[in-house]
């Protein structure tokens, strides 16, 4: 069974940083591209970033490019999202995903 558990969310002031983690199990993590997505209140799901299986290539949504950095530790089966220069519009529940599976998210709230 694929399990994806995001953590590290919280309340942060605009301009501040936050680092999210996603612990995974139930599949061969090192073989899979991984993604982060988010859903803000009253809005649809938004893709944020994807990283390839080896951690050498990443893509980002324009809304987060230059502020967020995705990374992974294949030895620990863990995905990360470093978020810097946070804005109130980044407020959302953040999820990690693998091949369409989305685990439990973590709430990020950015105050102005």
C-alpha atoms as a PDB file:
ATOM      1  CA  UNK A   1       0.000   0.000   0.000  1.00  0.00           C
ATOM      2  CA  UNK A   2       1.380   3.390  -1.025  1.00  0.00           C
ATOM      3  CA  UNK A   3       1.685   5.726   1.944  1.00  0.00           C
ATOM      4  CA  UNK A   4       2.591   9.393   1.670  1.00  0.00           C
ATOM      5  CA  UNK A   5       2.684  11.496   4.821  1.00  0.00           C
ATOM      6  CA  UNK A   6       3.468  15.181   4.522  1.00  0.00           C
ATOM      7  CA  UNK A   7       4.622  17.177   7.541  1.00  0.00           C
ATOM      8  CA  UNK A   8       6.304  20.428   8.474  1.00  0.00           C
ATOM      9  CA  UNK A   9       3.467  22.833   7.809  1.00  0.00           C
ATOM     10  CA  UNK A  10       2.498  25.629  10.141  1.00  0.00           C
ATOM     11  CA  UNK A  11       1.889  29.335  10.511  1.00  0.00           C
ATOM     12  CA  UNK A  12       4.579  31.644   9.170  1.00  0.00           C
ATOM     13  CA  UNK A  13       4.827  35.357   8.443  1.00  0.00           C
ATOM     14  CA  UNK A  14       5.067  36.568   4.872  1.00  0.00           C
ATOM     15  CA  UNK A  15       8.652  36.506   3.690  1.00  0.00           C
ATOM     16  CA  UNK A  16       9.573  33.640   5.971  1.00  0.00           C
ATOM     17  CA  UNK A  17      10.724  30.117   5.181  1.00  0.00           C
ATOM     18  CA  UNK A  18       9.240  26.709   5.818  1.00  0.00           C
ATOM     19  CA  UNK A  19      10.450  23.210   4.943  1.00  0.00           C
ATOM     20  CA  UNK A  20       8.037  20.419   4.223  1.00  0.00           C
ATOM     21  CA  UNK A  21       8.847  16.717   4.350  1.00  0.00           C
ATOM     22  CA  UNK A  22       7.026  13.716   2.943  1.00  0.00           C
ATOM     23  CA  UNK A  23       7.729  10.289   4.370  1.00  0.00           C
ATOM     24  CA  UNK A  24       6.878   7.483   1.977  1.00  0.00           C
ATOM     25  CA  UNK A  25       6.482   3.710   1.999  1.00  0.00           C
ATOM     26  CA  UNK A  26       4.874   0.912   0.017  1.00  0.00           C
ATOM     27  CA  UNK A  27       6.716   1.472  -3.251  1.00  0.00           C
ATOM     28  CA  UNK A  28      10.251   1.775  -4.592  1.00  0.00           C
ATOM     29  CA  UNK A  29      10.803   5.459  -3.894  1.00  0.00           C
ATOM     30  CA  UNK A  30      14.129   5.705  -5.714  1.00  0.00           C
ATOM     31  CA  UNK A  31      12.498   4.611  -8.994  1.00  0.00           C
ATOM     32  CA  UNK A  32       9.703   7.176  -9.001  1.00  0.00           C
ATOM     33  CA  UNK A  33       9.379  10.825  -9.931  1.00  0.00           C
ATOM     34  CA  UNK A  34       7.700  12.664  -7.084  1.00  0.00           C
ATOM     35  CA  UNK A  35       5.628  15.801  -6.914  1.00  0.00           C
ATOM     36  CA  UNK A  36       4.221  18.409  -4.587  1.00  0.00           C
ATOM     37  CA  UNK A  37       0.841  19.988  -5.059  1.00  0.00           C
ATOM     38  CA  UNK A  38      -1.423  22.223  -3.040  1.00  0.00           C
ATOM     39  CA  UNK A  39      -5.034  23.150  -2.568  1.00  0.00           C
ATOM     40  CA  UNK A  40      -6.051  26.537  -1.272  1.00  0.00           C
ATOM     41  CA  UNK A  41      -9.432  27.139   0.376  1.00  0.00           C
ATOM     42  CA  UNK A  42     -12.166  27.237  -2.246  1.00  0.00           C
ATOM     43  CA  UNK A  43      -9.770  26.502  -5.103  1.00  0.00           C
ATOM     44  CA  UNK A  44      -8.802  23.514  -7.176  1.00  0.00           C
ATOM     45  CA  UNK A  45      -5.704  21.408  -6.792  1.00  0.00           C
ATOM     46  CA  UNK A  46      -2.560  23.118  -8.097  1.00  0.00           C
ATOM     47  CA  UNK A  47       0.610  21.343  -9.158  1.00  0.00           C
ATOM     48  CA  UNK A  48       3.678  22.933  -7.527  1.00  0.00           C
ATOM     49  CA  UNK A  49       6.781  20.945  -8.454  1.00  0.00           C
ATOM     50  CA  UNK A  50       8.120  17.617  -9.726  1.00  0.00           C
ATOM     51  CA  UNK A  51      11.512  15.999  -9.297  1.00  0.00           C
ATOM     52  CA  UNK A  52      12.871  13.047 -11.255  1.00  0.00           C
ATOM     53  CA  UNK A  53      13.779   9.770  -9.609  1.00  0.00           C
ATOM     54  CA  UNK A  54      17.482  10.579  -9.307  1.00  0.00           C
ATOM     55  CA  UNK A  55      16.909  14.051  -7.948  1.00  0.00           C
ATOM     56  CA  UNK A  56      18.805  15.689 -10.785  1.00  0.00           C
ATOM     57  CA  UNK A  57      15.968  17.527 -12.550  1.00  0.00           C
ATOM     58  CA  UNK A  58      13.105  19.559 -11.175  1.00  0.00           C
ATOM     59  CA  UNK A  59      10.294  21.615 -12.624  1.00  0.00           C
ATOM     60  CA  UNK A  60       8.204  24.272 -10.915  1.00  0.00           C
ATOM     61  CA  UNK A  61       4.976  26.137 -11.367  1.00  0.00           C
ATOM     62  CA  UNK A  62       5.533  29.744 -12.368  1.00  0.00           C
ATOM     63  CA  UNK A  63       3.878  30.850  -9.139  1.00  0.00           C
ATOM     64  CA  UNK A  64       6.661  29.326  -7.018  1.00  0.00           C
ATOM     65  CA  UNK A  65       9.663  29.368  -9.339  1.00  0.00           C
ATOM     66  CA  UNK A  66      12.688  30.945  -7.705  1.00  0.00           C
ATOM     67  CA  UNK A  67      11.174  30.660  -4.205  1.00  0.00           C
ATOM     68  CA  UNK A  68      10.596  26.920  -3.707  1.00  0.00           C
ATOM     69  CA  UNK A  69      13.112  24.091  -4.026  1.00  0.00           C
ATOM     70  CA  UNK A  70      12.158  20.425  -4.282  1.00  0.00           C
ATOM     71  CA  UNK A  71      14.623  17.741  -3.237  1.00  0.00           C
ATOM     72  CA  UNK A  72      14.706  14.123  -2.167  1.00  0.00           C
ATOM     73  CA  UNK A  73      16.718  11.663  -0.124  1.00  0.00           C
ATOM     74  CA  UNK A  74      16.400   8.256  -1.736  1.00  0.00           C
ATOM     75  CA  UNK A  75      18.190   6.575   1.166  1.00  0.00           C
ATOM     76  CA  UNK A  76      15.474   7.837   3.523  1.00  0.00           C
ATOM     77  CA  UNK A  77      12.534   7.499   1.092  1.00  0.00           C
ATOM     78  CA  UNK A  78      11.726  11.119   1.825  1.00  0.00           C
ATOM     79  CA  UNK A  79      10.721  14.065  -0.326  1.00  0.00           C
ATOM     80  CA  UNK A  80      11.245  17.704   0.674  1.00  0.00           C
ATOM     81  CA  UNK A  81      10.006  21.133  -0.296  1.00  0.00           C
ATOM     82  CA  UNK A  82      11.981  24.154   0.864  1.00  0.00           C
ATOM     83  CA  UNK A  83       9.755  27.200   0.656  1.00  0.00           C
ATOM     84  CA  UNK A  84      11.328  30.640   0.928  1.00  0.00           C
ATOM     85  CA  UNK A  85       9.929  34.151   0.586  1.00  0.00           C
ATOM     86  CA  UNK A  86       6.470  32.866   1.383  1.00  0.00           C
ATOM     87  CA  UNK A  87       3.444  34.910   0.375  1.00  0.00           C
ATOM     88  CA  UNK A  88      -0.111  34.887   1.752  1.00  0.00           C
ATOM     89  CA  UNK A  89      -1.250  33.355  -1.536  1.00  0.00           C
ATOM     90  CA  UNK A  90       0.880  30.296  -0.737  1.00  0.00           C
ATOM     91  CA  UNK A  91      -1.590  29.442   2.030  1.00  0.00           C
ATOM     92  CA  UNK A  92      -2.916  25.966   1.250  1.00  0.00           C
ATOM     93  CA  UNK A  93      -2.818  22.319   2.202  1.00  0.00           C
ATOM     94  CA  UNK A  94       0.299  20.833   0.642  1.00  0.00           C
ATOM     95  CA  UNK A  95       0.418  17.246  -0.560  1.00  0.00           C
ATOM     96  CA  UNK A  96       3.116  14.997  -1.944  1.00  0.00           C
ATOM     97  CA  UNK A  97       2.122  12.674  -4.749  1.00  0.00           C
ATOM     98  CA  UNK A  98       3.387   9.708  -6.705  1.00  0.00           C
ATOM     99  CA  UNK A  99       1.729   8.454  -9.905  1.00  0.00           C
ATOM    100  CA  UNK A 100      -1.529  10.112  -9.012  1.00  0.00           C
ATOM    101  CA  UNK A 101      -1.605   8.893  -5.411  1.00  0.00           C
ATOM    102  CA  UNK A 102      -1.897  11.710  -2.904  1.00  0.00           C
ATOM    103  CA  UNK A 103      -1.356  11.198   0.784  1.00  0.00           C
ATOM    104  CA  UNK A 104      -2.298  13.223   3.813  1.00  0.00           C
ATOM    105  CA  UNK A 105      -1.422  16.856   3.442  1.00  0.00           C
ATOM    106  CA  UNK A 106       0.021  19.465   5.740  1.00  0.00           C
ATOM    107  CA  UNK A 107      -1.454  22.910   6.275  1.00  0.00           C
ATOM    108  CA  UNK A 108       0.646  25.955   5.450  1.00  0.00           C
ATOM    109  CA  UNK A 109      -0.688  29.341   6.507  1.00  0.00           C
ATOM    110  CA  UNK A 110       1.154  32.534   5.591  1.00  0.00           C
ATOM    111  CA  UNK A 111       0.131  35.679   7.439  1.00  0.00           C
ATOM    112  CA  UNK A 112       0.549  39.117   5.941  1.00  0.00           C
END
